[in-house]
Amino acid sequence: MKYYVSKTDVSIVDGRIAATETILTRPDTLAATTEMCRRMNRIGIPNIAVCKHSSKRYKKLTAAANKRRKAARDLTVAEVAEIAEEINKDQS
């Protein structure tokens, strides 16, 4: 049997509860996964859990995480130049 560590974040968006689950590790044995969960708890990562691996659910969570990651796009060169210009104005 394979297991993985995931993190659940719960927030209120527009007056509704929104929860996102993010996979933190790849599927592995129960002993290795529980040890990683213990280590993450020790360094202060909140809301983590050991989950049994189901390939359908794992792929769905991975796709959702990739979608969220791509939505948070990188800054363009023009945006960086604009931010640098504002900082220079503030310092002058």
Protein backbone atom coordinates (compact mmCIF):
# COMPACT_ATOMS: atom_id res chain seq x y z
CA MET A 1 0.00 0.00 0.00
CA LYS A 2 1.22 3.50 -0.80
CA TYR A 3 0.62 6.71 1.16
CA TYR A 4 1.42 10.41 0.70
CA VAL A 5 1.42 13.60 2.78
CA SER A 6 -0.98 16.39 1.88
CA LYS A 7 -1.78 19.82 3.30
CA THR A 8 -5.28 21.26 3.58
CA ASP A 9 -5.85 25.02 3.61
CA VAL A 10 -9.27 26.37 4.58
CA SER A 11 -10.22 30.00 3.97
CA ILE A 12 -13.31 32.17 3.54
CA VAL A 13 -13.70 33.64 0.04
CA ASP A 14 -16.69 35.90 -0.68
CA GLY A 15 -18.45 34.65 2.44
CA ARG A 16 -18.05 30.97 1.51
CA ILE A 17 -15.70 28.36 2.86
CA ALA A 18 -13.03 27.36 0.33
CA ALA A 19 -10.69 24.43 0.95
CA THR A 20 -7.64 23.46 -1.10
CA GLU A 21 -5.63 20.30 -0.68
CA THR A 22 -2.01 20.31 -1.83
CA ILE A 23 0.12 17.20 -2.20
CA LEU A 24 3.49 17.57 -0.46
CA THR A 25 5.14 14.18 -1.13
CA ARG A 26 5.13 11.37 -3.66
CA PRO A 27 3.43 8.07 -2.76
CA ASP A 28 5.66 5.87 -0.59
CA THR A 29 5.47 3.24 2.14
CA LEU A 30 3.52 3.92 5.32
CA ALA A 31 6.65 4.07 7.49
CA ALA A 32 8.41 6.60 5.24
CA THR A 33 5.27 8.72 4.88
CA THR A 34 4.50 8.86 8.60
CA GLU A 35 8.13 9.81 9.30
CA MET A 36 7.90 12.65 6.75
CA CYS A 37 4.62 13.79 8.31
CA ARG A 38 6.29 13.79 11.75
CA ARG A 39 9.22 15.84 10.42
CA MET A 40 6.91 18.38 8.78
CA ASN A 41 4.98 18.74 12.05
CA ARG A 42 8.25 19.33 13.90
CA ILE A 43 9.27 22.20 11.60
CA GLY A 44 5.86 23.80 12.01
CA ILE A 45 3.87 23.03 8.86
CA PRO A 46 0.19 23.10 9.93
CA ASN A 47 -2.79 21.10 8.64
CA ILE A 48 -0.96 18.10 7.18
CA ALA A 49 -2.21 14.53 6.98
CA VAL A 50 -1.20 11.08 5.73
CA CYS A 51 -3.50 9.94 2.90
CA LYS A 52 -3.88 6.54 1.28
CA HIS A 53 -2.84 6.65 -2.38
CA SER A 54 -5.65 6.45 -4.91
CA SER A 55 -4.33 7.20 -8.41
CA LYS A 56 -7.55 8.89 -9.55
CA ARG A 57 -7.64 11.26 -6.55
CA TYR A 58 -3.88 11.85 -6.65
CA LYS A 59 -4.00 12.86 -10.33
CA LYS A 60 -7.00 15.14 -9.68
CA LEU A 61 -5.20 16.91 -6.82
CA THR A 62 -2.00 17.25 -8.88
CA ALA A 63 -3.93 18.78 -11.79
CA ALA A 64 -5.68 21.25 -9.47
CA ALA A 65 -2.35 22.27 -7.90
CA ASN A 66 -0.81 22.79 -11.34
CA LYS A 67 -3.80 24.92 -12.38
CA ARG A 68 -3.41 27.11 -9.27
CA ARG A 69 0.34 27.41 -9.84
CA LYS A 70 -0.08 28.47 -13.47
CA ALA A 71 -2.75 31.02 -12.51
CA ALA A 72 -0.16 32.77 -10.33
CA ARG A 73 1.87 33.91 -13.33
CA ASP A 74 5.33 35.45 -13.39
CA LEU A 75 5.88 39.20 -13.65
CA THR A 76 6.64 40.65 -17.07
CA VAL A 77 9.70 42.84 -17.72
CA ALA A 78 7.45 45.91 -18.06
CA GLU A 79 5.87 45.25 -14.66
CA VAL A 80 9.29 44.86 -13.02
CA ALA A 81 10.46 48.12 -14.63
CA GLU A 82 7.35 49.90 -13.36
CA ILE A 83 7.90 48.63 -9.82
CA ALA A 84 11.59 49.64 -9.93
CA GLU A 85 10.60 53.13 -11.14
CA GLU A 86 8.16 53.54 -8.22
CA ILE A 87 10.84 52.47 -5.75
CA ASN A 88 13.32 54.97 -7.23
CA LYS A 89 10.73 57.75 -6.93
CA ASP A 90 10.06 56.87 -3.29
CA GLN A 91 13.78 56.89 -2.46
CA SER A 92 14.37 60.30 -4.10
